[in-house]
Amino acid sequence: MSKLPVISASKLIKILSKLGYYTDHQTGSHIILRNNKPPFRRLTIPNHKEIAKGTLNAIIEDAGLTRDEFLSLL
């Protein structure tokens, strides 16, 4: 299992947009992404320069991806 890189919120949003996610709205420092395709997931991304490893792992899991699938999208 390879390590996750340190990435920013904007880079993460670009990666998730490849999967069909789009920015729905922003509340404070959290950006809400939605997906029009089933299973119609909703993701909350903190708008930080560096996303914490645990937070990134949770977002990857919520998006329905494995770590290797996510790394292949980089």
PDB file of N, CA and C in Angstrom:
ATOM      1  N   MET A   1       0.856  -1.182   0.000  1.00  0.00           N
ATOM      2  CA  MET A   1       0.000   0.000   0.000  1.00  0.00           C
ATOM      3  C   MET A   1       0.893   1.233   0.000  1.00  0.00           C
ATOM      4  N   SER A   2       0.765   2.061  -1.003  1.00  0.00           N
ATOM      5  CA  SER A   2       1.604   3.241  -1.106  1.00  0.00           C
ATOM      6  C   SER A   2       1.044   4.404  -0.293  1.00  0.00           C
ATOM      7  N   LYS A   3       1.949   5.325   0.038  1.00  0.00           N
ATOM      8  CA  LYS A   3       1.554   6.477   0.844  1.00  0.00           C
ATOM      9  C   LYS A   3       0.764   7.476   0.013  1.00  0.00           C
ATOM     10  N   LEU A   4      -0.109   8.177   0.697  1.00  0.00           N
ATOM     11  CA  LEU A   4      -0.876   9.236   0.039  1.00  0.00           C
ATOM     12  C   LEU A   4      -0.044  10.511  -0.018  1.00  0.00           C
ATOM     13  N   PRO A   5      -0.120  11.239  -1.108  1.00  0.00           N
ATOM     14  CA  PRO A   5       0.618  12.500  -1.188  1.00  0.00           C
ATOM     15  C   PRO A   5      -0.109  13.599  -0.418  1.00  0.00           C
ATOM     16  N   VAL A   6       0.609  14.650  -0.120  1.00  0.00           N
ATOM     17  CA  VAL A   6       0.000  15.833   0.493  1.00  0.00           C
ATOM     18  C   VAL A   6      -0.562  16.666  -0.653  1.00  0.00           C
ATOM     19  N   ILE A   7      -1.881  16.872  -0.628  1.00  0.00           N
ATOM     20  CA  ILE A   7      -2.503  17.637  -1.708  1.00  0.00           C
ATOM     21  C   ILE A   7      -3.413  18.715  -1.128  1.00  0.00           C
ATOM     22  N   SER A   8      -3.702  19.702  -1.954  1.00  0.00           N
ATOM     23  CA  SER A   8      -4.572  20.801  -1.544  1.00  0.00           C
ATOM     24  C   SER A   8      -6.013  20.482  -1.936  1.00  0.00           C
ATOM     25  N   ALA A   9      -6.917  21.299  -1.432  1.00  0.00           N
ATOM     26  CA  ALA A   9      -8.330  21.109  -1.755  1.00  0.00           C
ATOM     27  C   ALA A   9      -8.589  21.302  -3.244  1.00  0.00           C
ATOM     28  N   SER A  10      -7.948  22.290  -3.851  1.00  0.00           N
ATOM     29  CA  SER A  10      -8.187  22.541  -5.281  1.00  0.00           C
ATOM     30  C   SER A  10      -7.709  21.370  -6.138  1.00  0.00           C
ATOM     31  N   LYS A  11      -6.569  20.775  -5.776  1.00  0.00           N
ATOM     32  CA  LYS A  11      -6.063  19.615  -6.516  1.00  0.00           C
ATOM     33  C   LYS A  11      -7.013  18.427  -6.334  1.00  0.00           C
ATOM     34  N   LEU A  12      -7.516  18.218  -5.111  1.00  0.00           N
ATOM     35  CA  LEU A  12      -8.440  17.125  -4.840  1.00  0.00           C
ATOM     36  C   LEU A  12      -9.734  17.303  -5.633  1.00  0.00           C
ATOM     37  N   ILE A  13     -10.224  18.525  -5.736  1.00  0.00           N
ATOM     38  CA  ILE A  13     -11.452  18.789  -6.490  1.00  0.00           C
ATOM     39  C   ILE A  13     -11.235  18.489  -7.967  1.00  0.00           C
ATOM     40  N   LYS A  14     -10.068  18.836  -8.504  1.00  0.00           N
ATOM     41  CA  LYS A  14      -9.761  18.520  -9.910  1.00  0.00           C
ATOM     42  C   LYS A  14      -9.733  17.014 -10.134  1.00  0.00           C
ATOM     43  N   ILE A  15      -9.171  16.273  -9.181  1.00  0.00           N
ATOM     44  CA  ILE A  15      -9.117  14.810  -9.298  1.00  0.00           C
ATOM     45  C   ILE A  15     -10.523  14.226  -9.258  1.00  0.00           C
ATOM     46  N   LEU A  16     -11.350  14.693  -8.318  1.00  0.00           N
ATOM     47  CA  LEU A  16     -12.703  14.158  -8.190  1.00  0.00           C
ATOM     48  C   LEU A  16     -13.595  14.580  -9.359  1.00  0.00           C
ATOM     49  N   SER A  17     -13.272  15.695 -10.014  1.00  0.00           N
ATOM     50  CA  SER A  17     -14.070  16.104 -11.173  1.00  0.00           C
ATOM     51  C   SER A  17     -13.907  15.110 -12.325  1.00  0.00           C
ATOM     52  N   LYS A  18     -12.792  14.386 -12.369  1.00  0.00           N
ATOM     53  CA  LYS A  18     -12.605  13.343 -13.376  1.00  0.00           C
ATOM     54  C   LYS A  18     -13.628  12.220 -13.206  1.00  0.00           C
ATOM     55  N   LEU A  19     -14.155  12.083 -11.979  1.00  0.00           N
ATOM     56  CA  LEU A  19     -15.138  11.040 -11.682  1.00  0.00           C
ATOM     57  C   LEU A  19     -16.575  11.537 -11.807  1.00  0.00           C
ATOM     58  N   GLY A  20     -16.743  12.797 -12.208  1.00  0.00           N
ATOM     59  CA  GLY A  20     -18.085  13.333 -12.397  1.00  0.00           C
ATOM     60  C   GLY A  20     -18.577  14.199 -11.261  1.00  0.00           C
ATOM     61  N   TYR A  21     -17.732  14.501 -10.276  1.00  0.00           N
ATOM     62  CA  TYR A  21     -18.144  15.386  -9.182  1.00  0.00           C
ATOM     63  C   TYR A  21     -18.047  16.832  -9.636  1.00  0.00           C
ATOM     64  N   TYR A  22     -18.946  17.654  -9.147  1.00  0.00           N
ATOM     65  CA  TYR A  22     -18.933  19.080  -9.446  1.00  0.00           C
ATOM     66  C   TYR A  22     -19.199  19.855  -8.157  1.00  0.00           C
ATOM     67  N   THR A  23     -18.746  21.099  -8.123  1.00  0.00           N
ATOM     68  CA  THR A  23     -18.942  21.938  -6.948  1.00  0.00           C
ATOM     69  C   THR A  23     -20.394  22.376  -6.881  1.00  0.00           C
ATOM     70  N   ASP A  24     -21.058  21.993  -5.806  1.00  0.00           N
ATOM     71  CA  ASP A  24     -22.462  22.357  -5.611  1.00  0.00           C
ATOM     72  C   ASP A  24     -22.551  23.713  -4.919  1.00  0.00           C
ATOM     73  N   HIS A  25     -21.866  23.837  -3.783  1.00  0.00           N
ATOM     74  CA  HIS A  25     -21.833  25.119  -3.080  1.00  0.00           C
ATOM     75  C   HIS A  25     -20.715  25.085  -2.047  1.00  0.00           C
ATOM     76  N   GLN A  26     -20.522  26.216  -1.379  1.00  0.00           N
ATOM     77  CA  GLN A  26     -19.520  26.310  -0.327  1.00  0.00           C
ATOM     78  C   GLN A  26     -20.156  26.922   0.894  1.00  0.00           C
ATOM     79  N   THR A  27     -19.899  26.305   2.044  1.00  0.00           N
ATOM     80  CA  THR A  27     -20.383  26.830   3.312  1.00  0.00           C
ATOM     81  C   THR A  27     -19.164  27.061   4.194  1.00  0.00           C
ATOM     82  N   GLY A  28     -18.832  28.308   4.436  1.00  0.00           N
ATOM     83  CA  GLY A  28     -17.638  28.611   5.215  1.00  0.00           C
ATOM     84  C   GLY A  28     -16.399  28.126   4.484  1.00  0.00           C
ATOM     85  N   SER A  29     -15.613  27.290   5.163  1.00  0.00           N
ATOM     86  CA  SER A  29     -14.391  26.784   4.549  1.00  0.00           C
ATOM     87  C   SER A  29     -14.565  25.365   4.013  1.00  0.00           C
ATOM     88  N   HIS A  30     -15.801  24.933   3.808  1.00  0.00           N
ATOM     89  CA  HIS A  30     -16.057  23.594   3.292  1.00  0.00           C
ATOM     90  C   HIS A  30     -16.751  23.668   1.932  1.00  0.00           C
ATOM     91  N   ILE A  31     -16.186  22.947   0.976  1.00  0.00           N
ATOM     92  CA  ILE A  31     -16.736  22.911  -0.377  1.00  0.00           C
ATOM     93  C   ILE A  31     -17.530  21.615  -0.516  1.00  0.00           C
ATOM     94  N   ILE A  32     -18.768  21.721  -0.979  1.00  0.00           N
ATOM     95  CA  ILE A  32     -19.649  20.572  -1.131  1.00  0.00           C
ATOM     96  C   ILE A  32     -19.640  20.142  -2.592  1.00  0.00           C
ATOM     97  N   LEU A  33     -19.275  18.882  -2.832  1.00  0.00           N
ATOM     98  CA  LEU A  33     -19.281  18.328  -4.179  1.00  0.00           C
ATOM     99  C   LEU A  33     -20.434  17.350  -4.309  1.00  0.00           C
ATOM    100  N   ARG A  34     -21.011  17.284  -5.487  1.00  0.00           N
ATOM    101  CA  ARG A  34     -22.095  16.328  -5.774  1.00  0.00           C
ATOM    102  C   ARG A  34     -21.765  15.566  -7.037  1.00  0.00           C
ATOM    103  N   ASN A  35     -22.418  14.432  -7.188  1.00  0.00           N
ATOM    104  CA  ASN A  35     -22.244  13.595  -8.373  1.00  0.00           C
ATOM    105  C   ASN A  35     -23.624  13.303  -8.951  1.00  0.00           C
ATOM    106  N   ASN A  36     -23.807  13.521 -10.246  1.00  0.00           N
ATOM    107  CA  ASN A  36     -25.096  13.269 -10.891  1.00  0.00           C
ATOM    108  C   ASN A  36     -25.326  11.794 -11.189  1.00  0.00           C
ATOM    109  N   LYS A  37     -24.260  11.006 -11.177  1.00  0.00           N
ATOM    110  CA  LYS A  37     -24.381   9.587 -11.496  1.00  0.00           C
ATOM    111  C   LYS A  37     -24.677   8.784 -10.232  1.00  0.00           C
ATOM    112  N   PRO A  38     -25.398   7.677 -10.378  1.00  0.00           N
ATOM    113  CA  PRO A  38     -25.621   6.829  -9.196  1.00  0.00           C
ATOM    114  C   PRO A  38     -24.302   6.367  -8.625  1.00  0.00           C
ATOM    115  N   PRO A  39     -24.151   6.302  -7.355  1.00  0.00           N
ATOM    116  CA  PRO A  39     -25.118   6.397  -6.258  1.00  0.00           C
ATOM    117  C   PRO A  39     -25.340   7.799  -5.705  1.00  0.00           C
ATOM    118  N   PHE A  40     -25.111   8.847  -6.501  1.00  0.00           N
ATOM    119  CA  PHE A  40     -25.430  10.233  -6.144  1.00  0.00           C
ATOM    120  C   PHE A  40     -24.777  10.646  -4.820  1.00  0.00           C
ATOM    121  N   ARG A  41     -23.484  10.469  -4.734  1.00  0.00           N
ATOM    122  CA  ARG A  41     -22.763  10.791  -3.501  1.00  0.00           C
ATOM    123  C   ARG A  41     -22.593  12.302  -3.339  1.00  0.00           C
ATOM    124  N   ARG A  42     -22.415  12.702  -2.083  1.00  0.00           N
ATOM    125  CA  ARG A  42     -22.155  14.096  -1.717  1.00  0.00           C
ATOM    126  C   ARG A  42     -20.905  14.082  -0.854  1.00  0.00           C
ATOM    127  N   LEU A  43     -19.918  14.878  -1.221  1.00  0.00           N
ATOM    128  CA  LEU A  43     -18.663  14.924  -0.491  1.00  0.00           C
ATOM    129  C   LEU A  43     -18.418  16.322   0.048  1.00  0.00           C
ATOM    130  N   THR A  44     -17.850  16.394   1.236  1.00  0.00           N
ATOM    131  CA  THR A  44     -17.489  17.668   1.842  1.00  0.00           C
ATOM    132  C   THR A  44     -15.968  17.752   1.890  1.00  0.00           C
ATOM    133  N   ILE A  45     -15.418  18.777   1.259  1.00  0.00           N
ATOM    134  CA  ILE A  45     -13.976  18.961   1.162  1.00  0.00           C
ATOM    135  C   ILE A  45     -13.593  20.218   1.941  1.00  0.00           C
ATOM    136  N   PRO A  46     -12.695  20.116   2.935  1.00  0.00           N
ATOM    137  CA  PRO A  46     -12.238  21.334   3.615  1.00  0.00           C
ATOM    138  C   PRO A  46     -11.337  22.134   2.685  1.00  0.00           C
ATOM    139  N   ASN A  47     -11.545  23.421   2.602  1.00  0.00           N
ATOM    140  CA  ASN A  47     -10.782  24.279   1.690  1.00  0.00           C
ATOM    141  C   ASN A  47      -9.468  24.698   2.363  1.00  0.00           C
ATOM    142  N   HIS A  48      -8.501  23.747   2.389  1.00  0.00           N
ATOM    143  CA  HIS A  48      -7.208  23.985   3.022  1.00  0.00           C
ATOM    144  C   HIS A  48      -6.095  23.787   2.009  1.00  0.00           C
ATOM    145  N   LYS A  49      -4.925  24.357   2.308  1.00  0.00           N
ATOM    146  CA  LYS A  49      -3.773  24.185   1.435  1.00  0.00           C
ATOM    147  C   LYS A  49      -3.261  22.753   1.484  1.00  0.00           C
ATOM    148  N   GLU A  50      -3.356  22.121   2.666  1.00  0.00           N
ATOM    149  CA  GLU A  50      -2.959  20.728   2.834  1.00  0.00           C
ATOM    150  C   GLU A  50      -4.080  19.996   3.558  1.00  0.00           C
ATOM    151  N   ILE A  51      -4.580  18.943   2.938  1.00  0.00           N
ATOM    152  CA  ILE A  51      -5.643  18.149   3.557  1.00  0.00           C
ATOM    153  C   ILE A  51      -4.985  17.063   4.399  1.00  0.00           C
ATOM    154  N   ALA A  52      -5.429  16.915   5.639  1.00  0.00           N
ATOM    155  CA  ALA A  52      -4.869  15.933   6.563  1.00  0.00           C
ATOM    156  C   ALA A  52      -5.034  14.521   6.005  1.00  0.00           C
ATOM    157  N   LYS A  53      -4.099  13.642   6.342  1.00  0.00           N
ATOM    158  CA  LYS A  53      -4.096  12.271   5.814  1.00  0.00           C
ATOM    159  C   LYS A  53      -5.385  11.531   6.174  1.00  0.00           C
ATOM    160  N   GLY A  54      -5.833  11.653   7.419  1.00  0.00           N
ATOM    161  CA  GLY A  54      -7.056  10.970   7.846  1.00  0.00           C
ATOM    162  C   GLY A  54      -8.281  11.487   7.121  1.00  0.00           C
ATOM    163  N   THR A  55      -8.323  12.791   6.919  1.00  0.00           N
ATOM    164  CA  THR A  55      -9.429  13.409   6.183  1.00  0.00           C
ATOM    165  C   THR A  55      -9.425  12.951   4.739  1.00  0.00           C
ATOM    166  N   LEU A  56      -8.232  12.902   4.135  1.00  0.00           N
ATOM    167  CA  LEU A  56      -8.118  12.448   2.747  1.00  0.00           C
ATOM    168  C   LEU A  56      -8.545  10.991   2.616  1.00  0.00           C
ATOM    169  N   ASN A  57      -8.142  10.153   3.569  1.00  0.00           N
ATOM    170  CA  ASN A  57      -8.569   8.749   3.554  1.00  0.00           C
ATOM    171  C   ASN A  57     -10.087   8.631   3.630  1.00  0.00           C
ATOM    172  N   ALA A  58     -10.716   9.444   4.489  1.00  0.00           N
ATOM    173  CA  ALA A  58     -12.171   9.408   4.638  1.00  0.00           C
ATOM    174  C   ALA A  58     -12.865   9.871   3.357  1.00  0.00           C
ATOM    175  N   ILE A  59     -12.334  10.899   2.706  1.00  0.00           N
ATOM    176  CA  ILE A  59     -12.928  11.396   1.463  1.00  0.00           C
ATOM    177  C   ILE A  59     -12.818  10.345   0.360  1.00  0.00           C
ATOM    178  N   ILE A  60     -11.659   9.690   0.283  1.00  0.00           N
ATOM    179  CA  ILE A  60     -11.467   8.632  -0.715  1.00  0.00           C
ATOM    180  C   ILE A  60     -12.464   7.507  -0.489  1.00  0.00           C
ATOM    181  N   GLU A  61     -12.646   7.127   0.762  1.00  0.00           N
ATOM    182  CA  GLU A  61     -13.595   6.062   1.094  1.00  0.00           C
ATOM    183  C   GLU A  61     -15.029   6.488   0.788  1.00  0.00           C
ATOM    184  N   ASP A  62     -15.383   7.725   1.123  1.00  0.00           N
ATOM    185  CA  ASP A  62     -16.729   8.236   0.858  1.00  0.00           C
ATOM    186  C   ASP A  62     -17.018   8.316  -0.640  1.00  0.00           C
ATOM    187  N   ALA A  63     -15.970   8.537  -1.436  1.00  0.00           N
ATOM    188  CA  ALA A  63     -16.138   8.600  -2.891  1.00  0.00           C
ATOM    189  C   ALA A  63     -16.277   7.205  -3.502  1.00  0.00           C
ATOM    190  N   GLY A  64     -16.084   6.173  -2.689  1.00  0.00           N
ATOM    191  CA  GLY A  64     -16.226   4.806  -3.189  1.00  0.00           C
ATOM    192  C   GLY A  64     -14.986   4.309  -3.912  1.00  0.00           C
ATOM    193  N   LEU A  65     -13.833   4.881  -3.587  1.00  0.00           N
ATOM    194  CA  LEU A  65     -12.583   4.511  -4.239  1.00  0.00           C
ATOM    195  C   LEU A  65     -11.681   3.750  -3.277  1.00  0.00           C
ATOM    196  N   THR A  66     -10.789   2.968  -3.837  1.00  0.00           N
ATOM    197  CA  THR A  66      -9.712   2.401  -3.044  1.00  0.00           C
ATOM    198  C   THR A  66      -8.536   3.362  -3.134  1.00  0.00           C
ATOM    199  N   ARG A  67      -7.567   3.158  -2.276  1.00  0.00           N
ATOM    200  CA  ARG A  67      -6.397   4.037  -2.301  1.00  0.00           C
ATOM    201  C   ARG A  67      -5.647   3.944  -3.609  1.00  0.00           C
ATOM    202  N   ASP A  68      -5.536   2.724  -4.157  1.00  0.00           N
ATOM    203  CA  ASP A  68      -4.832   2.531  -5.437  1.00  0.00           C
ATOM    204  C   ASP A  68      -5.584   3.187  -6.598  1.00  0.00           C
ATOM    205  N   GLU A  69      -6.912   3.105  -6.582  1.00  0.00           N
ATOM    206  CA  GLU A  69      -7.696   3.765  -7.627  1.00  0.00           C
ATOM    207  C   GLU A  69      -7.504   5.281  -7.573  1.00  0.00           C
ATOM    208  N   PHE A  70      -7.466   5.818  -6.345  1.00  0.00           N
ATOM    209  CA  PHE A  70      -7.249   7.260  -6.193  1.00  0.00           C
ATOM    210  C   PHE A  70      -5.875   7.652  -6.699  1.00  0.00           C
ATOM    211  N   LEU A  71      -4.851   6.893  -6.342  1.00  0.00           N
ATOM    212  CA  LEU A  71      -3.497   7.210  -6.773  1.00  0.00           C
ATOM    213  C   LEU A  71      -3.343   7.133  -8.284  1.00  0.00           C
ATOM    214  N   SER A  72      -4.116   6.273  -8.926  1.00  0.00           N
ATOM    215  CA  SER A  72      -4.044   6.181 -10.388  1.00  0.00           C
ATOM    216  C   SER A  72      -4.636   7.413 -11.077  1.00  0.00           C
ATOM    217  N   LEU A  73      -5.481   8.158 -10.364  1.00  0.00           N
ATOM    218  CA  LEU A  73      -6.084   9.370 -10.920  1.00  0.00           C
ATOM    219  C   LEU A  73      -5.173  10.589 -10.816  1.00  0.00           C
ATOM    220  N   LEU A  74      -4.112  10.484 -10.019  1.00  0.00           N
ATOM    221  CA  LEU A  74      -3.191  11.628  -9.834  1.00  0.00           C
ATOM    222  C   LEU A  74      -2.442  11.953 -11.097  1.00  0.00           C
TER     223      LEU A  74
END
